[in-house]
PDB file of N, CA and C in Angstrom:
ATOM      1  N   UNK A   1      14.710  -0.383 -11.337  1.00  0.00           N
ATOM      2  CA  UNK A   1      14.178   0.027 -10.050  1.00  0.00           C
ATOM      3  C   UNK A   1      15.083   1.075  -9.432  1.00  0.00           C
ATOM      4  N   UNK A   2      14.458   2.136  -8.940  1.00  0.00           N
ATOM      5  CA  UNK A   2      15.259   3.155  -8.261  1.00  0.00           C
ATOM      6  C   UNK A   2      15.601   2.691  -6.847  1.00  0.00           C
ATOM      7  N   UNK A   3      16.563   3.337  -6.248  1.00  0.00           N
ATOM      8  CA  UNK A   3      16.974   2.988  -4.892  1.00  0.00           C
ATOM      9  C   UNK A   3      16.038   3.679  -3.903  1.00  0.00           C
ATOM     10  N   UNK A   4      15.175   2.925  -3.200  1.00  0.00           N
ATOM     11  CA  UNK A   4      14.229   3.546  -2.283  1.00  0.00           C
ATOM     12  C   UNK A   4      14.925   4.217  -1.104  1.00  0.00           C
ATOM     13  N   UNK A   5      14.286   5.269  -0.592  1.00  0.00           N
ATOM     14  CA  UNK A   5      14.832   5.988   0.555  1.00  0.00           C
ATOM     15  C   UNK A   5      14.833   5.104   1.799  1.00  0.00           C
ATOM     16  N   UNK A   6      13.786   4.317   1.950  1.00  0.00           N
ATOM     17  CA  UNK A   6      13.644   3.468   3.140  1.00  0.00           C
ATOM     18  C   UNK A   6      13.003   2.159   2.707  1.00  0.00           C
ATOM     19  N   UNK A   7      13.665   1.060   2.932  1.00  0.00           N
ATOM     20  CA  UNK A   7      13.105  -0.247   2.603  1.00  0.00           C
ATOM     21  C   UNK A   7      12.181  -0.700   3.732  1.00  0.00           C
ATOM     22  N   UNK A   8      10.930  -0.903   3.411  1.00  0.00           N
ATOM     23  CA  UNK A   8       9.990  -1.500   4.356  1.00  0.00           C
ATOM     24  C   UNK A   8       9.556  -2.813   3.737  1.00  0.00           C
ATOM     25  N   UNK A   9       9.795  -3.903   4.446  1.00  0.00           N
ATOM     26  CA  UNK A   9       9.597  -5.222   3.869  1.00  0.00           C
ATOM     27  C   UNK A   9       8.238  -5.839   4.163  1.00  0.00           C
ATOM     28  N   UNK A  10       7.642  -5.540   5.288  1.00  0.00           N
ATOM     29  CA  UNK A  10       6.399  -6.188   5.708  1.00  0.00           C
ATOM     30  C   UNK A  10       5.187  -5.305   5.402  1.00  0.00           C
ATOM     31  N   UNK A  11       4.128  -5.921   4.900  1.00  0.00           N
ATOM     32  CA  UNK A  11       2.914  -5.186   4.556  1.00  0.00           C
ATOM     33  C   UNK A  11       2.339  -4.446   5.765  1.00  0.00           C
ATOM     34  N   UNK A  12       2.275  -5.107   6.911  1.00  0.00           N
ATOM     35  CA  UNK A  12       1.682  -4.469   8.090  1.00  0.00           C
ATOM     36  C   UNK A  12       2.487  -3.249   8.540  1.00  0.00           C
ATOM     37  N   UNK A  13       3.800  -3.304   8.385  1.00  0.00           N
ATOM     38  CA  UNK A  13       4.643  -2.156   8.727  1.00  0.00           C
ATOM     39  C   UNK A  13       4.401  -1.016   7.748  1.00  0.00           C
ATOM     40  N   UNK A  14       4.246  -1.350   6.482  1.00  0.00           N
ATOM     41  CA  UNK A  14       3.995  -0.327   5.466  1.00  0.00           C
ATOM     42  C   UNK A  14       2.625   0.301   5.676  1.00  0.00           C
ATOM     43  N   UNK A  15       1.646  -0.481   6.076  1.00  0.00           N
ATOM     44  CA  UNK A  15       0.310   0.052   6.354  1.00  0.00           C
ATOM     45  C   UNK A  15       0.375   1.071   7.497  1.00  0.00           C
ATOM     46  N   UNK A  16       1.140   0.778   8.532  1.00  0.00           N
ATOM     47  CA  UNK A  16       1.310   1.733   9.637  1.00  0.00           C
ATOM     48  C   UNK A  16       1.941   3.025   9.145  1.00  0.00           C
ATOM     49  N   UNK A  17       2.900   2.915   8.249  1.00  0.00           N
ATOM     50  CA  UNK A  17       3.558   4.092   7.675  1.00  0.00           C
ATOM     51  C   UNK A  17       2.562   4.896   6.839  1.00  0.00           C
ATOM     52  N   UNK A  18       1.729   4.215   6.054  1.00  0.00           N
ATOM     53  CA  UNK A  18       0.725   4.907   5.240  1.00  0.00           C
ATOM     54  C   UNK A  18      -0.262   5.678   6.101  1.00  0.00           C
ATOM     55  N   UNK A  19      -0.558   5.155   7.286  1.00  0.00           N
ATOM     56  CA  UNK A  19      -1.499   5.814   8.189  1.00  0.00           C
ATOM     57  C   UNK A  19      -0.965   7.139   8.731  1.00  0.00           C
ATOM     58  N   UNK A  20       0.297   7.446   8.467  1.00  0.00           N
ATOM     59  CA  UNK A  20       0.855   8.739   8.882  1.00  0.00           C
ATOM     60  C   UNK A  20       0.419   9.866   7.934  1.00  0.00           C
ATOM     61  N   UNK A  21      -0.171   9.514   6.801  1.00  0.00           N
ATOM     62  CA  UNK A  21      -0.680  10.515   5.857  1.00  0.00           C
ATOM     63  C   UNK A  21      -2.014  11.037   6.377  1.00  0.00           C
ATOM     64  N   UNK A  22      -2.198  12.346   6.329  1.00  0.00           N
ATOM     65  CA  UNK A  22      -3.434  12.945   6.825  1.00  0.00           C
ATOM     66  C   UNK A  22      -4.640  12.391   6.066  1.00  0.00           C
ATOM     67  N   UNK A  23      -5.641  11.956   6.814  1.00  0.00           N
ATOM     68  CA  UNK A  23      -6.859  11.422   6.222  1.00  0.00           C
ATOM     69  C   UNK A  23      -6.803   9.936   5.921  1.00  0.00           C
ATOM     70  N   UNK A  24      -5.692   9.290   6.243  1.00  0.00           N
ATOM     71  CA  UNK A  24      -5.527   7.857   5.971  1.00  0.00           C
ATOM     72  C   UNK A  24      -5.454   7.114   7.302  1.00  0.00           C
ATOM     73  N   UNK A  25      -6.177   6.000   7.386  1.00  0.00           N
ATOM     74  CA  UNK A  25      -6.189   5.186   8.599  1.00  0.00           C
ATOM     75  C   UNK A  25      -5.728   3.777   8.259  1.00  0.00           C
ATOM     76  N   UNK A  26      -5.193   3.098   9.243  1.00  0.00           N
ATOM     77  CA  UNK A  26      -4.788   1.701   9.037  1.00  0.00           C
ATOM     78  C   UNK A  26      -5.965   0.860   8.554  1.00  0.00           C
ATOM     79  N   UNK A  27      -7.162   1.181   9.016  1.00  0.00           N
ATOM     80  CA  UNK A  27      -8.344   0.397   8.642  1.00  0.00           C
ATOM     81  C   UNK A  27      -8.710   0.548   7.165  1.00  0.00           C
ATOM     82  N   UNK A  28      -8.100   1.505   6.475  1.00  0.00           N
ATOM     83  CA  UNK A  28      -8.332   1.666   5.036  1.00  0.00           C
ATOM     84  C   UNK A  28      -7.615   0.602   4.206  1.00  0.00           C
ATOM     85  N   UNK A  29      -6.778  -0.180   4.870  1.00  0.00           N
ATOM     86  CA  UNK A  29      -5.979  -1.195   4.182  1.00  0.00           C
ATOM     87  C   UNK A  29      -6.104  -2.542   4.884  1.00  0.00           C
ATOM     88  N   UNK A  30      -5.836  -3.566   4.141  1.00  0.00           N
ATOM     89  CA  UNK A  30      -5.677  -4.903   4.687  1.00  0.00           C
ATOM     90  C   UNK A  30      -4.471  -5.511   4.006  1.00  0.00           C
ATOM     91  N   UNK A  31      -4.159  -6.710   4.347  1.00  0.00           N
ATOM     92  CA  UNK A  31      -3.061  -7.386   3.666  1.00  0.00           C
ATOM     93  C   UNK A  31      -3.619  -8.265   2.546  1.00  0.00           C
ATOM     94  N   UNK A  32      -2.798  -8.526   1.558  1.00  0.00           N
ATOM     95  CA  UNK A  32      -3.239  -9.446   0.501  1.00  0.00           C
ATOM     96  C   UNK A  32      -3.388 -10.854   1.066  1.00  0.00           C
ATOM     97  N   UNK A  33      -2.723 -11.142   2.175  1.00  0.00           N
ATOM     98  CA  UNK A  33      -2.908 -12.443   2.836  1.00  0.00           C
ATOM     99  C   UNK A  33      -4.361 -12.585   3.300  1.00  0.00           C
ATOM    100  N   UNK A  34      -4.937 -11.495   3.802  1.00  0.00           N
ATOM    101  CA  UNK A  34      -6.352 -11.504   4.184  1.00  0.00           C
ATOM    102  C   UNK A  34      -7.243 -11.623   2.945  1.00  0.00           C
ATOM    103  N   UNK A  35      -6.885 -10.895   1.907  1.00  0.00           N
ATOM    104  CA  UNK A  35      -7.677 -10.875   0.672  1.00  0.00           C
ATOM    105  C   UNK A  35      -7.713 -12.247   0.001  1.00  0.00           C
ATOM    106  N   UNK A  36      -6.538 -12.873  -0.118  1.00  0.00           N
ATOM    107  CA  UNK A  36      -6.420 -14.153  -0.816  1.00  0.00           C
ATOM    108  C   UNK A  36      -6.495 -15.365   0.110  1.00  0.00           C
ATOM    109  N   UNK A  37      -6.481 -15.125   1.423  1.00  0.00           N
ATOM    110  CA  UNK A  37      -6.417 -16.204   2.414  1.00  0.00           C
ATOM    111  C   UNK A  37      -5.186 -17.090   2.165  1.00  0.00           C
ATOM    112  N   UNK A  38      -4.028 -16.413   2.099  1.00  0.00           N
ATOM    113  CA  UNK A  38      -2.760 -17.120   1.905  1.00  0.00           C
ATOM    114  C   UNK A  38      -1.670 -16.397   2.693  1.00  0.00           C
ATOM    115  N   UNK A  39      -0.416 -16.618   2.355  1.00  0.00           N
ATOM    116  CA  UNK A  39       0.681 -15.975   3.103  1.00  0.00           C
ATOM    117  C   UNK A  39       1.387 -14.887   2.283  1.00  0.00           C
ATOM    118  N   UNK A  40       0.689 -14.288   1.316  1.00  0.00           N
ATOM    119  CA  UNK A  40       1.294 -13.238   0.494  1.00  0.00           C
ATOM    120  C   UNK A  40       1.588 -11.994   1.332  1.00  0.00           C
ATOM    121  N   UNK A  41       2.519 -11.175   0.857  1.00  0.00           N
ATOM    122  CA  UNK A  41       2.979  -9.995   1.590  1.00  0.00           C
ATOM    123  C   UNK A  41       2.712  -8.741   0.769  1.00  0.00           C
ATOM    124  N   UNK A  42       1.448  -8.440   0.578  1.00  0.00           N
ATOM    125  CA  UNK A  42       1.074  -7.237  -0.151  1.00  0.00           C
ATOM    126  C   UNK A  42       0.048  -6.450   0.641  1.00  0.00           C
ATOM    127  N   UNK A  43      -0.354  -5.321   0.083  1.00  0.00           N
ATOM    128  CA  UNK A  43      -1.327  -4.445   0.722  1.00  0.00           C
ATOM    129  C   UNK A  43      -2.579  -4.396  -0.145  1.00  0.00           C
ATOM    130  N   UNK A  44      -3.723  -4.528   0.495  1.00  0.00           N
ATOM    131  CA  UNK A  44      -5.020  -4.471  -0.166  1.00  0.00           C
ATOM    132  C   UNK A  44      -5.659  -3.136   0.210  1.00  0.00           C
ATOM    133  N   UNK A  45      -6.006  -2.337  -0.784  1.00  0.00           N
ATOM    134  CA  UNK A  45      -6.672  -1.058  -0.557  1.00  0.00           C
ATOM    135  C   UNK A  45      -8.163  -1.331  -0.341  1.00  0.00           C
ATOM    136  N   UNK A  46      -8.651  -1.088   0.869  1.00  0.00           N
ATOM    137  CA  UNK A  46     -10.065  -1.311   1.187  1.00  0.00           C
ATOM    138  C   UNK A  46     -10.895  -0.051   0.982  1.00  0.00           C
ATOM    139  N   UNK A  47     -10.254   1.079   0.756  1.00  0.00           N
ATOM    140  CA  UNK A  47     -10.953   2.358   0.633  1.00  0.00           C
ATOM    141  C   UNK A  47     -10.526   3.056  -0.655  1.00  0.00           C
ATOM    142  N   UNK A  48     -11.343   4.000  -1.064  1.00  0.00           N
ATOM    143  CA  UNK A  48     -11.000   4.866  -2.185  1.00  0.00           C
ATOM    144  C   UNK A  48     -10.539   6.194  -1.616  1.00  0.00           C
ATOM    145  N   UNK A  49      -9.579   6.820  -2.271  1.00  0.00           N
ATOM    146  CA  UNK A  49      -9.016   8.082  -1.801  1.00  0.00           C
ATOM    147  C   UNK A  49      -9.141   9.132  -2.889  1.00  0.00           C
ATOM    148  N   UNK A  50      -9.195  10.397  -2.469  1.00  0.00           N
ATOM    149  CA  UNK A  50      -9.217  11.446  -3.475  1.00  0.00           C
ATOM    150  C   UNK A  50      -7.864  11.446  -4.188  1.00  0.00           C
ATOM    151  N   UNK A  51      -7.789  12.019  -5.368  1.00  0.00           N
ATOM    152  CA  UNK A  51      -6.552  11.952  -6.156  1.00  0.00           C
ATOM    153  C   UNK A  51      -5.321  12.517  -5.446  1.00  0.00           C
ATOM    154  N   UNK A  52      -5.499  13.550  -4.616  1.00  0.00           N
ATOM    155  CA  UNK A  52      -4.354  14.131  -3.919  1.00  0.00           C
ATOM    156  C   UNK A  52      -3.793  13.173  -2.870  1.00  0.00           C
ATOM    157  N   UNK A  53      -4.686  12.541  -2.115  1.00  0.00           N
ATOM    158  CA  UNK A  53      -4.257  11.569  -1.103  1.00  0.00           C
ATOM    159  C   UNK A  53      -3.666  10.341  -1.797  1.00  0.00           C
ATOM    160  N   UNK A  54      -4.299   9.909  -2.877  1.00  0.00           N
ATOM    161  CA  UNK A  54      -3.780   8.751  -3.611  1.00  0.00           C
ATOM    162  C   UNK A  54      -2.362   9.010  -4.130  1.00  0.00           C
ATOM    163  N   UNK A  55      -2.102  10.246  -4.567  1.00  0.00           N
ATOM    164  CA  UNK A  55      -0.755  10.606  -5.029  1.00  0.00           C
ATOM    165  C   UNK A  55       0.243  10.541  -3.873  1.00  0.00           C
ATOM    166  N   UNK A  56      -0.158  11.009  -2.679  1.00  0.00           N
ATOM    167  CA  UNK A  56       0.721  10.924  -1.505  1.00  0.00           C
ATOM    168  C   UNK A  56       1.007   9.469  -1.147  1.00  0.00           C
ATOM    169  N   UNK A  57      -0.026   8.635  -1.204  1.00  0.00           N
ATOM    170  CA  UNK A  57       0.143   7.213  -0.916  1.00  0.00           C
ATOM    171  C   UNK A  57       1.104   6.592  -1.911  1.00  0.00           C
ATOM    172  N   UNK A  58       0.899   6.873  -3.179  1.00  0.00           N
ATOM    173  CA  UNK A  58       1.756   6.325  -4.234  1.00  0.00           C
ATOM    174  C   UNK A  58       3.210   6.752  -4.051  1.00  0.00           C
ATOM    175  N   UNK A  59       3.421   8.029  -3.743  1.00  0.00           N
ATOM    176  CA  UNK A  59       4.785   8.537  -3.546  1.00  0.00           C
ATOM    177  C   UNK A  59       5.452   7.877  -2.346  1.00  0.00           C
ATOM    178  N   UNK A  60       4.720   7.725  -1.246  1.00  0.00           N
ATOM    179  CA  UNK A  60       5.290   7.101  -0.059  1.00  0.00           C
ATOM    180  C   UNK A  60       5.625   5.636  -0.337  1.00  0.00           C
ATOM    181  N   UNK A  61       4.707   4.930  -1.003  1.00  0.00           N
ATOM    182  CA  UNK A  61       4.988   3.539  -1.360  1.00  0.00           C
ATOM    183  C   UNK A  61       6.248   3.446  -2.217  1.00  0.00           C
ATOM    184  N   UNK A  62       6.336   4.309  -3.218  1.00  0.00           N
ATOM    185  CA  UNK A  62       7.499   4.320  -4.111  1.00  0.00           C
ATOM    186  C   UNK A  62       8.791   4.603  -3.338  1.00  0.00           C
ATOM    187  N   UNK A  63       8.726   5.567  -2.424  1.00  0.00           N
ATOM    188  CA  UNK A  63       9.902   5.913  -1.615  1.00  0.00           C
ATOM    189  C   UNK A  63      10.366   4.749  -0.739  1.00  0.00           C
ATOM    190  N   UNK A  64       9.437   3.850  -0.401  1.00  0.00           N
ATOM    191  CA  UNK A  64       9.755   2.721   0.483  1.00  0.00           C
ATOM    192  C   UNK A  64       9.944   1.406  -0.270  1.00  0.00           C
ATOM    193  N   UNK A  65       9.984   1.480  -1.608  1.00  0.00           N
ATOM    194  CA  UNK A  65      10.267   0.288  -2.400  1.00  0.00           C
ATOM    195  C   UNK A  65       9.052  -0.553  -2.752  1.00  0.00           C
ATOM    196  N   UNK A  66       7.869   0.053  -2.817  1.00  0.00           N
ATOM    197  CA  UNK A  66       6.625  -0.641  -3.146  1.00  0.00           C
ATOM    198  C   UNK A  66       6.022  -0.028  -4.407  1.00  0.00           C
ATOM    199  N   UNK A  67       5.103  -0.734  -5.049  1.00  0.00           N
ATOM    200  CA  UNK A  67       4.378  -0.204  -6.209  1.00  0.00           C
ATOM    201  C   UNK A  67       2.913  -0.633  -6.123  1.00  0.00           C
ATOM    202  N   UNK A  68       2.044   0.151  -6.761  1.00  0.00           N
ATOM    203  CA  UNK A  68       0.608  -0.144  -6.787  1.00  0.00           C
ATOM    204  C   UNK A  68       0.287  -0.890  -8.075  1.00  0.00           C
ATOM    205  N   UNK A  69      -0.596  -1.884  -7.932  1.00  0.00           N
ATOM    206  CA  UNK A  69      -1.012  -2.684  -9.083  1.00  0.00           C
ATOM    207  C   UNK A  69      -2.515  -2.929  -8.987  1.00  0.00           C
ATOM    208  N   UNK A  70      -3.259  -2.687 -10.072  1.00  0.00           N
ATOM    209  CA  UNK A  70      -4.686  -3.015 -10.015  1.00  0.00           C
ATOM    210  C   UNK A  70      -4.893  -4.521  -9.993  1.00  0.00           C
ATOM    211  N   UNK A  71      -5.794  -4.979  -9.142  1.00  0.00           N
ATOM    212  CA  UNK A  71      -6.165  -6.395  -9.109  1.00  0.00           C
ATOM    213  C   UNK A  71      -7.318  -6.624 -10.093  1.00  0.00           C
ATOM    214  N   UNK A  72      -8.301  -5.725 -10.033  1.00  0.00           N
ATOM    215  CA  UNK A  72      -9.396  -5.716 -10.991  1.00  0.00           C
ATOM    216  C   UNK A  72      -9.846  -4.266 -11.133  1.00  0.00           C
ATOM    217  N   UNK A  73     -10.987  -4.025 -11.757  1.00  0.00           N
ATOM    218  CA  UNK A  73     -11.385  -2.646 -12.043  1.00  0.00           C
ATOM    219  C   UNK A  73     -11.679  -1.810 -10.803  1.00  0.00           C
ATOM    220  N   UNK A  74     -11.878  -2.433  -9.656  1.00  0.00           N
ATOM    221  CA  UNK A  74     -12.182  -1.667  -8.459  1.00  0.00           C
ATOM    222  C   UNK A  74     -11.300  -1.950  -7.274  1.00  0.00           C
ATOM    223  N   UNK A  75     -10.250  -2.734  -7.464  1.00  0.00           N
ATOM    224  CA  UNK A  75      -9.408  -3.149  -6.339  1.00  0.00           C
ATOM    225  C   UNK A  75      -7.937  -2.889  -6.655  1.00  0.00           C
ATOM    226  N   UNK A  76      -7.266  -2.228  -5.716  1.00  0.00           N
ATOM    227  CA  UNK A  76      -5.828  -2.000  -5.858  1.00  0.00           C
ATOM    228  C   UNK A  76      -5.076  -2.808  -4.817  1.00  0.00           C
ATOM    229  N   UNK A  77      -3.908  -3.268  -5.199  1.00  0.00           N
ATOM    230  CA  UNK A  77      -2.966  -3.908  -4.292  1.00  0.00           C
ATOM    231  C   UNK A  77      -1.636  -3.201  -4.436  1.00  0.00           C
ATOM    232  N   UNK A  78      -0.793  -3.333  -3.445  1.00  0.00           N
ATOM    233  CA  UNK A  78       0.575  -2.818  -3.512  1.00  0.00           C
ATOM    234  C   UNK A  78       1.532  -3.929  -3.103  1.00  0.00           C
ATOM    235  N   UNK A  79       2.649  -3.989  -3.788  1.00  0.00           N
ATOM    236  CA  UNK A  79       3.667  -5.016  -3.541  1.00  0.00           C
ATOM    237  C   UNK A  79       5.046  -4.381  -3.515  1.00  0.00           C
ATOM    238  N   UNK A  80       5.996  -5.090  -2.926  1.00  0.00           N
ATOM    239  CA  UNK A  80       7.386  -4.639  -2.936  1.00  0.00           C
ATOM    240  C   UNK A  80       7.976  -4.792  -4.316  1.00  0.00           C
ATOM    241  N   UNK A  81       8.841  -3.853  -4.686  1.00  0.00           N
ATOM    242  CA  UNK A  81       9.565  -3.943  -5.971  1.00  0.00           C
ATOM    243  C   UNK A  81      10.499  -5.128  -5.947  1.00  0.00           C
TER     244      UNK A  81
END
């Protein structure tokens, strides 16, 4: 694991940070706690993004110590490294 520029530990805080990307809104994401109805600390992608925006999201997540993982063929989640 590389040393992230900024450690963000909470999913809701990371979602707010992601919303700083142009064209991205907080409502495009939920928490995995909402998805699974449990106390997990991940991010659930509720929207699809064009490849350029998705690359920005991926880079920001990586910079903050998170990674994207497919849940199934149409659902992405992100978790802390």
